[in-house]
Amino acid sequence: MGTPQAGGAAPSGGDMLMQFVPLILMFAIFWFLLIRPQQKRAKAHKQMLAELKRGDHVMTSSGLIGRIMEISEEEVVIECGDAKLRMSRGAIGGLIGKSAEKAEAKAEEKK
């Protein structure tokens, strides 16, 4: 009774690898459904910020809508009604109106 039973063998390397297959598949699905689209959106936003020019109609991430009056590498000055607002270039959420349509047409030409 004090002797151990030798009934089960140690699991082989193939069995251990098969245990990781579902984990690897879940990571792959996670990558294609969440991470990759987020990277594409970030790349498109960065490209949009690089292509901003004076006169573009934009909406900021806080919802303000205005027209770009001045633009530098770090900051933009937006005319919003009678006020001129100086803000970070990264605060621009997107183009609106005709500016957005032109940007979409340009993106379609590149494809």
PDB file of N, CA and C in Angstrom:
ATOM      1  N   MET A   1       0.801  -1.188   0.000  1.00  0.00           N
ATOM      2  CA  MET A   1       0.000   0.000   0.000  1.00  0.00           C
ATOM      3  C   MET A   1       0.849   1.259   0.000  1.00  0.00           C
ATOM      4  N   GLY A   2       2.023   1.211   0.483  1.00  0.00           N
ATOM      5  CA  GLY A   2       2.875   2.369   0.544  1.00  0.00           C
ATOM      6  C   GLY A   2       3.597   2.643  -0.763  1.00  0.00           C
ATOM      7  N   THR A   3       3.484   1.770  -1.756  1.00  0.00           N
ATOM      8  CA  THR A   3       4.184   1.971  -3.022  1.00  0.00           C
ATOM      9  C   THR A   3       3.290   2.728  -3.996  1.00  0.00           C
ATOM     10  N   PRO A   4       3.868   3.693  -4.756  1.00  0.00           N
ATOM     11  CA  PRO A   4       3.064   4.451  -5.715  1.00  0.00           C
ATOM     12  C   PRO A   4       2.652   3.584  -6.898  1.00  0.00           C
ATOM     13  N   GLN A   5       1.512   3.879  -7.430  1.00  0.00           N
ATOM     14  CA  GLN A   5       0.999   3.164  -8.598  1.00  0.00           C
ATOM     15  C   GLN A   5       1.661   3.731  -9.849  1.00  0.00           C
ATOM     16  N   ALA A   6       2.053   2.907 -10.754  1.00  0.00           N
ATOM     17  CA  ALA A   6       2.683   3.319 -12.004  1.00  0.00           C
ATOM     18  C   ALA A   6       1.678   3.224 -13.139  1.00  0.00           C
ATOM     19  N   GLY A   7       0.443   3.599 -12.895  1.00  0.00           N
ATOM     20  CA  GLY A   7      -0.601   3.438 -13.895  1.00  0.00           C
ATOM     21  C   GLY A   7      -0.546   4.484 -15.004  1.00  0.00           C
ATOM     22  N   GLY A   8      -0.195   5.745 -14.721  1.00  0.00           N
ATOM     23  CA  GLY A   8      -0.232   6.799 -15.739  1.00  0.00           C
ATOM     24  C   GLY A   8       1.163   7.218 -16.149  1.00  0.00           C
ATOM     25  N   ALA A   9       1.341   7.422 -17.432  1.00  0.00           N
ATOM     26  CA  ALA A   9       2.626   7.891 -17.944  1.00  0.00           C
ATOM     27  C   ALA A   9       2.601   9.421 -17.981  1.00  0.00           C
ATOM     28  N   ALA A  10       3.763  10.032 -18.031  1.00  0.00           N
ATOM     29  CA  ALA A  10       3.869  11.488 -18.128  1.00  0.00           C
ATOM     30  C   ALA A  10       3.307  11.936 -19.473  1.00  0.00           C
ATOM     31  N   PRO A  11       2.633  13.094 -19.525  1.00  0.00           N
ATOM     32  CA  PRO A  11       2.066  13.548 -20.795  1.00  0.00           C
ATOM     33  C   PRO A  11       3.170  13.831 -21.812  1.00  0.00           C
ATOM     34  N   SER A  12       2.891  13.485 -23.041  1.00  0.00           N
ATOM     35  CA  SER A  12       3.887  13.699 -24.097  1.00  0.00           C
ATOM     36  C   SER A  12       3.881  15.170 -24.518  1.00  0.00           C
ATOM     37  N   GLY A  13       4.892  15.569 -25.274  1.00  0.00           N
ATOM     38  CA  GLY A  13       5.023  16.952 -25.729  1.00  0.00           C
ATOM     39  C   GLY A  13       3.883  17.367 -26.636  1.00  0.00           C
ATOM     40  N   GLY A  14       3.364  16.445 -27.432  1.00  0.00           N
ATOM     41  CA  GLY A  14       2.264  16.756 -28.339  1.00  0.00           C
ATOM     42  C   GLY A  14       0.992  17.100 -27.593  1.00  0.00           C
ATOM     43  N   ASP A  15       0.731  16.407 -26.494  1.00  0.00           N
ATOM     44  CA  ASP A  15      -0.460  16.696 -25.696  1.00  0.00           C
ATOM     45  C   ASP A  15      -0.373  18.083 -25.063  1.00  0.00           C
ATOM     46  N   MET A  16       0.806  18.448 -24.602  1.00  0.00           N
ATOM     47  CA  MET A  16       0.968  19.770 -23.990  1.00  0.00           C
ATOM     48  C   MET A  16       0.800  20.868 -25.032  1.00  0.00           C
ATOM     49  N   LEU A  17       1.275  20.617 -26.246  1.00  0.00           N
ATOM     50  CA  LEU A  17       1.128  21.600 -27.316  1.00  0.00           C
ATOM     51  C   LEU A  17      -0.342  21.780 -27.672  1.00  0.00           C
ATOM     52  N   MET A  18      -1.095  20.707 -27.678  1.00  0.00           N
ATOM     53  CA  MET A  18      -2.518  20.780 -28.003  1.00  0.00           C
ATOM     54  C   MET A  18      -3.291  21.586 -26.957  1.00  0.00           C
ATOM     55  N   GLN A  19      -2.793  21.660 -25.749  1.00  0.00           N
ATOM     56  CA  GLN A  19      -3.451  22.458 -24.721  1.00  0.00           C
ATOM     57  C   GLN A  19      -3.319  23.953 -25.009  1.00  0.00           C
ATOM     58  N   PHE A  20      -2.270  24.346 -25.717  1.00  0.00           N
ATOM     59  CA  PHE A  20      -2.043  25.752 -26.014  1.00  0.00           C
ATOM     60  C   PHE A  20      -2.722  26.213 -27.300  1.00  0.00           C
ATOM     61  N   VAL A  21      -3.191  25.310 -28.124  1.00  0.00           N
ATOM     62  CA  VAL A  21      -3.829  25.679 -29.392  1.00  0.00           C
ATOM     63  C   VAL A  21      -5.040  26.586 -29.167  1.00  0.00           C
ATOM     64  N   PRO A  22      -5.964  26.278 -28.254  1.00  0.00           N
ATOM     65  CA  PRO A  22      -7.091  27.201 -28.040  1.00  0.00           C
ATOM     66  C   PRO A  22      -6.640  28.586 -27.573  1.00  0.00           C
ATOM     67  N   LEU A  23      -5.619  28.633 -26.747  1.00  0.00           N
ATOM     68  CA  LEU A  23      -5.103  29.914 -26.274  1.00  0.00           C
ATOM     69  C   LEU A  23      -4.522  30.728 -27.435  1.00  0.00           C
ATOM     70  N   ILE A  24      -3.796  30.067 -28.302  1.00  0.00           N
ATOM     71  CA  ILE A  24      -3.215  30.734 -29.475  1.00  0.00           C
ATOM     72  C   ILE A  24      -4.316  31.214 -30.409  1.00  0.00           C
ATOM     73  N   LEU A  25      -5.350  30.402 -30.614  1.00  0.00           N
ATOM     74  CA  LEU A  25      -6.475  30.801 -31.461  1.00  0.00           C
ATOM     75  C   LEU A  25      -7.212  32.005 -30.871  1.00  0.00           C
ATOM     76  N   MET A  26      -7.411  32.021 -29.572  1.00  0.00           N
ATOM     77  CA  MET A  26      -8.075  33.167 -28.938  1.00  0.00           C
ATOM     78  C   MET A  26      -7.250  34.433 -29.112  1.00  0.00           C
ATOM     79  N   PHE A  27      -5.935  34.334 -28.994  1.00  0.00           N
ATOM     80  CA  PHE A  27      -5.078  35.503 -29.188  1.00  0.00           C
ATOM     81  C   PHE A  27      -5.169  35.998 -30.631  1.00  0.00           C
ATOM     82  N   ALA A  28      -5.181  35.072 -31.592  1.00  0.00           N
ATOM     83  CA  ALA A  28      -5.279  35.461 -33.002  1.00  0.00           C
ATOM     84  C   ALA A  28      -6.608  36.163 -33.277  1.00  0.00           C
ATOM     85  N   ILE A  29      -7.692  35.647 -32.745  1.00  0.00           N
ATOM     86  CA  ILE A  29      -9.000  36.282 -32.929  1.00  0.00           C
ATOM     87  C   ILE A  29      -9.007  37.657 -32.275  1.00  0.00           C
ATOM     88  N   PHE A  30      -8.470  37.746 -31.083  1.00  0.00           N
ATOM     89  CA  PHE A  30      -8.368  39.022 -30.378  1.00  0.00           C
ATOM     90  C   PHE A  30      -7.586  40.034 -31.207  1.00  0.00           C
ATOM     91  N   TRP A  31      -6.500  39.591 -31.808  1.00  0.00           N
ATOM     92  CA  TRP A  31      -5.656  40.466 -32.631  1.00  0.00           C
ATOM     93  C   TRP A  31      -6.435  41.016 -33.819  1.00  0.00           C
ATOM     94  N   PHE A  32      -7.109  40.146 -34.567  1.00  0.00           N
ATOM     95  CA  PHE A  32      -7.790  40.576 -35.783  1.00  0.00           C
ATOM     96  C   PHE A  32      -9.081  41.340 -35.514  1.00  0.00           C
ATOM     97  N   LEU A  33      -9.728  41.120 -34.386  1.00  0.00           N
ATOM     98  CA  LEU A  33     -10.978  41.810 -34.107  1.00  0.00           C
ATOM     99  C   LEU A  33     -10.800  43.104 -33.321  1.00  0.00           C
ATOM    100  N   LEU A  34      -9.756  43.219 -32.521  1.00  0.00           N
ATOM    101  CA  LEU A  34      -9.604  44.402 -31.676  1.00  0.00           C
ATOM    102  C   LEU A  34      -8.359  45.226 -31.965  1.00  0.00           C
ATOM    103  N   ILE A  35      -7.218  44.611 -31.934  1.00  0.00           N
ATOM    104  CA  ILE A  35      -5.961  45.361 -32.015  1.00  0.00           C
ATOM    105  C   ILE A  35      -5.716  45.909 -33.417  1.00  0.00           C
ATOM    106  N   ARG A  36      -5.860  45.093 -34.425  1.00  0.00           N
ATOM    107  CA  ARG A  36      -5.559  45.519 -35.798  1.00  0.00           C
ATOM    108  C   ARG A  36      -6.459  46.670 -36.267  1.00  0.00           C
ATOM    109  N   PRO A  37      -7.793  46.599 -36.067  1.00  0.00           N
ATOM    110  CA  PRO A  37      -8.623  47.742 -36.468  1.00  0.00           C
ATOM    111  C   PRO A  37      -8.275  49.030 -35.721  1.00  0.00           C
ATOM    112  N   GLN A  38      -7.909  48.908 -34.457  1.00  0.00           N
ATOM    113  CA  GLN A  38      -7.529  50.085 -33.688  1.00  0.00           C
ATOM    114  C   GLN A  38      -6.257  50.708 -34.263  1.00  0.00           C
ATOM    115  N   GLN A  39      -5.311  49.879 -34.671  1.00  0.00           N
ATOM    116  CA  GLN A  39      -4.081  50.393 -35.277  1.00  0.00           C
ATOM    117  C   GLN A  39      -4.381  51.084 -36.603  1.00  0.00           C
ATOM    118  N   LYS A  40      -5.316  50.528 -37.382  1.00  0.00           N
ATOM    119  CA  LYS A  40      -5.685  51.156 -38.654  1.00  0.00           C
ATOM    120  C   LYS A  40      -6.323  52.524 -38.426  1.00  0.00           C
ATOM    121  N   ARG A  41      -7.219  52.611 -37.435  1.00  0.00           N
ATOM    122  CA  ARG A  41      -7.850  53.899 -37.131  1.00  0.00           C
ATOM    123  C   ARG A  41      -6.810  54.917 -36.671  1.00  0.00           C
ATOM    124  N   ALA A  42      -5.872  54.497 -35.849  1.00  0.00           N
ATOM    125  CA  ALA A  42      -4.826  55.406 -35.366  1.00  0.00           C
ATOM    126  C   ALA A  42      -3.954  55.889 -36.524  1.00  0.00           C
ATOM    127  N   LYS A  43      -3.649  54.998 -37.445  1.00  0.00           N
ATOM    128  CA  LYS A  43      -2.834  55.370 -38.607  1.00  0.00           C
ATOM    129  C   LYS A  43      -3.588  56.361 -39.491  1.00  0.00           C
ATOM    130  N   ALA A  44      -4.889  56.127 -39.713  1.00  0.00           N
ATOM    131  CA  ALA A  44      -5.695  57.032 -40.533  1.00  0.00           C
ATOM    132  C   ALA A  44      -5.811  58.403 -39.865  1.00  0.00           C
ATOM    133  N   HIS A  45      -5.965  58.438 -38.539  1.00  0.00           N
ATOM    134  CA  HIS A  45      -6.061  59.709 -37.822  1.00  0.00           C
ATOM    135  C   HIS A  45      -4.741  60.473 -37.907  1.00  0.00           C
ATOM    136  N   LYS A  46      -3.648  59.760 -37.767  1.00  0.00           N
ATOM    137  CA  LYS A  46      -2.329  60.398 -37.863  1.00  0.00           C
ATOM    138  C   LYS A  46      -2.110  60.974 -39.263  1.00  0.00           C
ATOM    139  N   GLN A  47      -2.531  60.247 -40.285  1.00  0.00           N
ATOM    140  CA  GLN A  47      -2.402  60.725 -41.662  1.00  0.00           C
ATOM    141  C   GLN A  47      -3.284  61.952 -41.882  1.00  0.00           C
ATOM    142  N   MET A  48      -4.503  61.938 -41.337  1.00  0.00           N
ATOM    143  CA  MET A  48      -5.405  63.074 -41.464  1.00  0.00           C
ATOM    144  C   MET A  48      -4.793  64.307 -40.801  1.00  0.00           C
ATOM    145  N   LEU A  49      -4.181  64.134 -39.637  1.00  0.00           N
ATOM    146  CA  LEU A  49      -3.544  65.262 -38.956  1.00  0.00           C
ATOM    147  C   LEU A  49      -2.374  65.810 -39.764  1.00  0.00           C
ATOM    148  N   ALA A  50      -1.650  64.929 -40.433  1.00  0.00           N
ATOM    149  CA  ALA A  50      -0.504  65.366 -41.236  1.00  0.00           C
ATOM    150  C   ALA A  50      -0.951  66.146 -42.471  1.00  0.00           C
ATOM    151  N   GLU A  51      -2.160  65.869 -42.967  1.00  0.00           N
ATOM    152  CA  GLU A  51      -2.645  66.506 -44.195  1.00  0.00           C
ATOM    153  C   GLU A  51      -3.514  67.732 -43.942  1.00  0.00           C
ATOM    154  N   LEU A  52      -3.642  68.161 -42.690  1.00  0.00           N
ATOM    155  CA  LEU A  52      -4.446  69.348 -42.398  1.00  0.00           C
ATOM    156  C   LEU A  52      -3.823  70.569 -43.055  1.00  0.00           C
ATOM    157  N   LYS A  53      -4.691  71.477 -43.492  1.00  0.00           N
ATOM    158  CA  LYS A  53      -4.200  72.708 -44.108  1.00  0.00           C
ATOM    159  C   LYS A  53      -5.120  73.862 -43.721  1.00  0.00           C
ATOM    160  N   ARG A  54      -4.651  75.048 -43.966  1.00  0.00           N
ATOM    161  CA  ARG A  54      -5.407  76.254 -43.645  1.00  0.00           C
ATOM    162  C   ARG A  54      -6.711  76.251 -44.444  1.00  0.00           C
ATOM    163  N   GLY A  55      -7.808  76.576 -43.777  1.00  0.00           N
ATOM    164  CA  GLY A  55      -9.109  76.638 -44.434  1.00  0.00           C
ATOM    165  C   GLY A  55      -9.954  75.382 -44.273  1.00  0.00           C
ATOM    166  N   ASP A  56      -9.373  74.293 -43.795  1.00  0.00           N
ATOM    167  CA  ASP A  56     -10.139  73.060 -43.578  1.00  0.00           C
ATOM    168  C   ASP A  56     -11.150  73.271 -42.453  1.00  0.00           C
ATOM    169  N   HIS A  57     -12.334  72.713 -42.627  1.00  0.00           N
ATOM    170  CA  HIS A  57     -13.347  72.720 -41.575  1.00  0.00           C
ATOM    171  C   HIS A  57     -13.168  71.446 -40.770  1.00  0.00           C
ATOM    172  N   VAL A  58     -13.024  71.612 -39.454  1.00  0.00           N
ATOM    173  CA  VAL A  58     -12.712  70.477 -38.589  1.00  0.00           C
ATOM    174  C   VAL A  58     -13.635  70.449 -37.374  1.00  0.00           C
ATOM    175  N   MET A  59     -13.703  69.282 -36.756  1.00  0.00           N
ATOM    176  CA  MET A  59     -14.370  69.133 -35.471  1.00  0.00           C
ATOM    177  C   MET A  59     -13.333  68.611 -34.492  1.00  0.00           C
ATOM    178  N   THR A  60     -13.265  69.239 -33.335  1.00  0.00           N
ATOM    179  CA  THR A  60     -12.298  68.809 -32.329  1.00  0.00           C
ATOM    180  C   THR A  60     -12.842  67.600 -31.582  1.00  0.00           C
ATOM    181  N   SER A  61     -11.995  66.984 -30.797  1.00  0.00           N
ATOM    182  CA  SER A  61     -12.426  65.823 -30.019  1.00  0.00           C
ATOM    183  C   SER A  61     -13.441  66.213 -28.947  1.00  0.00           C
ATOM    184  N   SER A  62     -13.523  67.503 -28.602  1.00  0.00           N
ATOM    185  CA  SER A  62     -14.510  67.967 -27.627  1.00  0.00           C
ATOM    186  C   SER A  62     -15.809  68.414 -28.288  1.00  0.00           C
ATOM    187  N   GLY A  63     -15.868  68.381 -29.620  1.00  0.00           N
ATOM    188  CA  GLY A  63     -17.103  68.694 -30.330  1.00  0.00           C
ATOM    189  C   GLY A  63     -17.182  70.091 -30.904  1.00  0.00           C
ATOM    190  N   LEU A  64     -16.157  70.916 -30.726  1.00  0.00           N
ATOM    191  CA  LEU A  64     -16.158  72.253 -31.318  1.00  0.00           C
ATOM    192  C   LEU A  64     -15.932  72.152 -32.817  1.00  0.00           C
ATOM    193  N   ILE A  65     -16.674  72.956 -33.568  1.00  0.00           N
ATOM    194  CA  ILE A  65     -16.545  72.955 -35.020  1.00  0.00           C
ATOM    195  C   ILE A  65     -16.015  74.318 -35.435  1.00  0.00           C
ATOM    196  N   GLY A  66     -15.034  74.310 -36.315  1.00  0.00           N
ATOM    197  CA  GLY A  66     -14.460  75.560 -36.767  1.00  0.00           C
ATOM    198  C   GLY A  66     -13.614  75.371 -38.010  1.00  0.00           C
ATOM    199  N   ARG A  67     -12.961  76.471 -38.402  1.00  0.00           N
ATOM    200  CA  ARG A  67     -12.118  76.469 -39.599  1.00  0.00           C
ATOM    201  C   ARG A  67     -10.693  76.784 -39.176  1.00  0.00           C
ATOM    202  N   ILE A  68      -9.745  76.068 -39.742  1.00  0.00           N
ATOM    203  CA  ILE A  68      -8.337  76.273 -39.395  1.00  0.00           C
ATOM    204  C   ILE A  68      -7.863  77.597 -39.986  1.00  0.00           C
ATOM    205  N   MET A  69      -7.350  78.458 -39.105  1.00  0.00           N
ATOM    206  CA  MET A  69      -6.818  79.751 -39.533  1.00  0.00           C
ATOM    207  C   MET A  69      -5.300  79.707 -39.665  1.00  0.00           C
ATOM    208  N   GLU A  70      -4.643  79.090 -38.690  1.00  0.00           N
ATOM    209  CA  GLU A  70      -3.188  78.951 -38.694  1.00  0.00           C
ATOM    210  C   GLU A  70      -2.864  77.532 -38.273  1.00  0.00           C
ATOM    211  N   ILE A  71      -1.757  77.042 -38.783  1.00  0.00           N
ATOM    212  CA  ILE A  71      -1.362  75.680 -38.425  1.00  0.00           C
ATOM    213  C   ILE A  71       0.155  75.618 -38.319  1.00  0.00           C
ATOM    214  N   SER A  72       0.623  74.969 -37.271  1.00  0.00           N
ATOM    215  CA  SER A  72       2.052  74.718 -37.102  1.00  0.00           C
ATOM    216  C   SER A  72       2.216  73.242 -36.790  1.00  0.00           C
ATOM    217  N   GLU A  73       3.432  72.852 -36.513  1.00  0.00           N
ATOM    218  CA  GLU A  73       3.695  71.431 -36.277  1.00  0.00           C
ATOM    219  C   GLU A  73       3.017  70.916 -35.011  1.00  0.00           C
ATOM    220  N   GLU A  74       2.914  71.760 -33.989  1.00  0.00           N
ATOM    221  CA  GLU A  74       2.353  71.341 -32.699  1.00  0.00           C
ATOM    222  C   GLU A  74       0.929  71.840 -32.461  1.00  0.00           C
ATOM    223  N   GLU A  75       0.590  73.012 -32.993  1.00  0.00           N
ATOM    224  CA  GLU A  75      -0.670  73.662 -32.653  1.00  0.00           C
ATOM    225  C   GLU A  75      -1.432  74.109 -33.889  1.00  0.00           C
ATOM    226  N   VAL A  76      -2.740  74.329 -33.683  1.00  0.00           N
ATOM    227  CA  VAL A  76      -3.585  74.925 -34.713  1.00  0.00           C
ATOM    228  C   VAL A  76      -4.380  76.053 -34.064  1.00  0.00           C
ATOM    229  N   VAL A  77      -4.736  77.039 -34.875  1.00  0.00           N
ATOM    230  CA  VAL A  77      -5.638  78.097 -34.437  1.00  0.00           C
ATOM    231  C   VAL A  77      -6.912  77.918 -35.241  1.00  0.00           C
ATOM    232  N   ILE A  78      -8.021  77.733 -34.516  1.00  0.00           N
ATOM    233  CA  ILE A  78      -9.307  77.468 -35.153  1.00  0.00           C
ATOM    234  C   ILE A  78     -10.224  78.661 -34.930  1.00  0.00           C
ATOM    235  N   GLU A  79     -10.879  79.099 -36.004  1.00  0.00           N
ATOM    236  CA  GLU A  79     -11.881  80.149 -35.891  1.00  0.00           C
ATOM    237  C   GLU A  79     -13.220  79.471 -35.636  1.00  0.00           C
ATOM    238  N   CYS A  80     -13.811  79.799 -34.509  1.00  0.00           N
ATOM    239  CA  CYS A  80     -15.082  79.212 -34.102  1.00  0.00           C
ATOM    240  C   CYS A  80     -16.021  80.375 -33.787  1.00  0.00           C
ATOM    241  N   GLY A  81     -16.851  80.760 -34.750  1.00  0.00           N
ATOM    242  CA  GLY A  81     -17.676  81.958 -34.574  1.00  0.00           C
ATOM    243  C   GLY A  81     -16.784  83.177 -34.657  1.00  0.00           C
ATOM    244  N   ASP A  82     -16.866  84.037 -33.646  1.00  0.00           N
ATOM    245  CA  ASP A  82     -16.016  85.230 -33.600  1.00  0.00           C
ATOM    246  C   ASP A  82     -14.734  84.990 -32.816  1.00  0.00           C
ATOM    247  N   ALA A  83     -14.585  83.817 -32.252  1.00  0.00           N
ATOM    248  CA  ALA A  83     -13.422  83.522 -31.410  1.00  0.00           C
ATOM    249  C   ALA A  83     -12.371  82.731 -32.183  1.00  0.00           C
ATOM    250  N   LYS A  84     -11.128  82.960 -31.802  1.00  0.00           N
ATOM    251  CA  LYS A  84     -10.029  82.165 -32.345  1.00  0.00           C
ATOM    252  C   LYS A  84      -9.467  81.344 -31.196  1.00  0.00           C
ATOM    253  N   LEU A  85      -9.440  80.042 -31.381  1.00  0.00           N
ATOM    254  CA  LEU A  85      -8.999  79.124 -30.334  1.00  0.00           C
ATOM    255  C   LEU A  85      -7.693  78.473 -30.739  1.00  0.00           C
ATOM    256  N   ARG A  86      -6.716  78.509 -29.833  1.00  0.00           N
ATOM    257  CA  ARG A  86      -5.433  77.850 -30.076  1.00  0.00           C
ATOM    258  C   ARG A  86      -5.455  76.521 -29.331  1.00  0.00           C
ATOM    259  N   MET A  87      -5.171  75.444 -30.043  1.00  0.00           N
ATOM    260  CA  MET A  87      -5.191  74.126 -29.406  1.00  0.00           C
ATOM    261  C   MET A  87      -4.167  73.209 -30.032  1.00  0.00           C
ATOM    262  N   SER A  88      -3.953  72.104 -29.369  1.00  0.00           N
ATOM    263  CA  SER A  88      -3.015  71.096 -29.849  1.00  0.00           C
ATOM    264  C   SER A  88      -3.538  70.478 -31.142  1.00  0.00           C
ATOM    265  N   ARG A  89      -2.637  70.139 -32.011  1.00  0.00           N
ATOM    266  CA  ARG A  89      -3.015  69.525 -33.284  1.00  0.00           C
ATOM    267  C   ARG A  89      -3.713  68.178 -33.061  1.00  0.00           C
ATOM    268  N   GLY A  90      -3.324  67.465 -32.023  1.00  0.00           N
ATOM    269  CA  GLY A  90      -3.920  66.169 -31.725  1.00  0.00           C
ATOM    270  C   GLY A  90      -5.357  66.256 -31.245  1.00  0.00           C
ATOM    271  N   ALA A  91      -5.822  67.468 -30.894  1.00  0.00           N
ATOM    272  CA  ALA A  91      -7.199  67.642 -30.437  1.00  0.00           C
ATOM    273  C   ALA A  91      -8.194  67.638 -31.590  1.00  0.00           C
ATOM    274  N   ILE A  92      -7.698  67.649 -32.815  1.00  0.00           N
ATOM    275  CA  ILE A  92      -8.587  67.603 -33.978  1.00  0.00           C
ATOM    276  C   ILE A  92      -9.126  66.188 -34.108  1.00  0.00           C
ATOM    277  N   GLY A  93     -10.445  66.068 -34.081  1.00  0.00           N
ATOM    278  CA  GLY A  93     -11.079  64.752 -34.180  1.00  0.00           C
ATOM    279  C   GLY A  93     -11.275  64.308 -35.611  1.00  0.00           C
ATOM    280  N   GLY A  94     -11.563  65.250 -36.504  1.00  0.00           N
ATOM    281  CA  GLY A  94     -11.761  64.871 -37.893  1.00  0.00           C
ATOM    282  C   GLY A  94     -12.175  66.054 -38.745  1.00  0.00           C
ATOM    283  N   LEU A  95     -12.162  65.834 -40.037  1.00  0.00           N
ATOM    284  CA  LEU A  95     -12.596  66.834 -41.000  1.00  0.00           C
ATOM    285  C   LEU A  95     -14.106  66.733 -41.160  1.00  0.00           C
ATOM    286  N   ILE A  96     -14.746  67.855 -41.488  1.00  0.00           N
ATOM    287  CA  ILE A  96     -16.184  67.830 -41.729  1.00  0.00           C
ATOM    288  C   ILE A  96     -16.495  68.550 -43.028  1.00  0.00           C
ATOM    289  N   GLY A  97     -17.666  68.306 -43.567  1.00  0.00           N
ATOM    290  CA  GLY A  97     -18.129  68.996 -44.763  1.00  0.00           C
ATOM    291  C   GLY A  97     -17.337  68.632 -45.999  1.00  0.00           C
ATOM    292  N   LYS A  98     -17.099  69.637 -46.837  1.00  0.00           N
ATOM    293  CA  LYS A  98     -16.399  69.423 -48.102  1.00  0.00           C
ATOM    294  C   LYS A  98     -14.970  68.951 -47.889  1.00  0.00           C
ATOM    295  N   SER A  99     -14.354  69.389 -46.806  1.00  0.00           N
ATOM    296  CA  SER A  99     -12.986  68.959 -46.507  1.00  0.00           C
ATOM    297  C   SER A  99     -12.933  67.452 -46.323  1.00  0.00           C
ATOM    298  N   ALA A 100     -13.940  66.907 -45.639  1.00  0.00           N
ATOM    299  CA  ALA A 100     -13.991  65.460 -45.408  1.00  0.00           C
ATOM    300  C   ALA A 100     -14.234  64.711 -46.712  1.00  0.00           C
ATOM    301  N   GLU A 101     -15.106  65.248 -47.564  1.00  0.00           N
ATOM    302  CA  GLU A 101     -15.387  64.595 -48.845  1.00  0.00           C
ATOM    303  C   GLU A 101     -14.137  64.558 -49.720  1.00  0.00           C
ATOM    304  N   LYS A 102     -13.381  65.648 -49.732  1.00  0.00           N
ATOM    305  CA  LYS A 102     -12.145  65.683 -50.512  1.00  0.00           C
ATOM    306  C   LYS A 102     -11.139  64.678 -49.976  1.00  0.00           C
ATOM    307  N   ALA A 103     -11.037  64.578 -48.659  1.00  0.00           N
ATOM    308  CA  ALA A 103     -10.097  63.632 -48.044  1.00  0.00           C
ATOM    309  C   ALA A 103     -10.486  62.196 -48.364  1.00  0.00           C
ATOM    310  N   GLU A 104     -11.794  61.895 -48.346  1.00  0.00           N
ATOM    311  CA  GLU A 104     -12.253  60.544 -48.674  1.00  0.00           C
ATOM    312  C   GLU A 104     -11.966  60.215 -50.134  1.00  0.00           C
ATOM    313  N   ALA A 105     -12.196  61.177 -51.032  1.00  0.00           N
ATOM    314  CA  ALA A 105     -11.919  60.949 -52.447  1.00  0.00           C
ATOM    315  C   ALA A 105     -10.431  60.712 -52.671  1.00  0.00           C
ATOM    316  N   LYS A 106      -9.607  61.453 -51.964  1.00  0.00           N
ATOM    317  CA  LYS A 106      -8.159  61.285 -52.085  1.00  0.00           C
ATOM    318  C   LYS A 106      -7.732  59.915 -51.568  1.00  0.00           C
ATOM    319  N   ALA A 107      -8.352  59.465 -50.486  1.00  0.00           N
ATOM    320  CA  ALA A 107      -8.034  58.146 -49.932  1.00  0.00           C
ATOM    321  C   ALA A 107      -8.459  57.038 -50.894  1.00  0.00           C
ATOM    322  N   GLU A 108      -9.583  57.217 -51.566  1.00  0.00           N
ATOM    323  CA  GLU A 108     -10.049  56.219 -52.537  1.00  0.00           C
ATOM    324  C   GLU A 108      -9.100  56.136 -53.732  1.00  0.00           C
ATOM    325  N   GLU A 109      -8.544  57.272 -54.148  1.00  0.00           N
ATOM    326  CA  GLU A 109      -7.604  57.274 -55.273  1.00  0.00           C
ATOM    327  C   GLU A 109      -6.340  56.503 -54.933  1.00  0.00           C
ATOM    328  N   LYS A 110      -5.913  56.563 -53.681  1.00  0.00           N
ATOM    329  CA  LYS A 110      -4.693  55.872 -53.263  1.00  0.00           C
ATOM    330  C   LYS A 110      -4.869  54.368 -53.272  1.00  0.00           C
ATOM    331  N   LYS A 111      -6.110  53.895 -53.087  1.00  0.00           N
ATOM    332  CA  LYS A 111      -6.356  52.446 -53.038  1.00  0.00           C
ATOM    333  C   LYS A 111      -6.360  51.856 -54.374  1.00  0.00           C
TER     334      LYS A 111
END
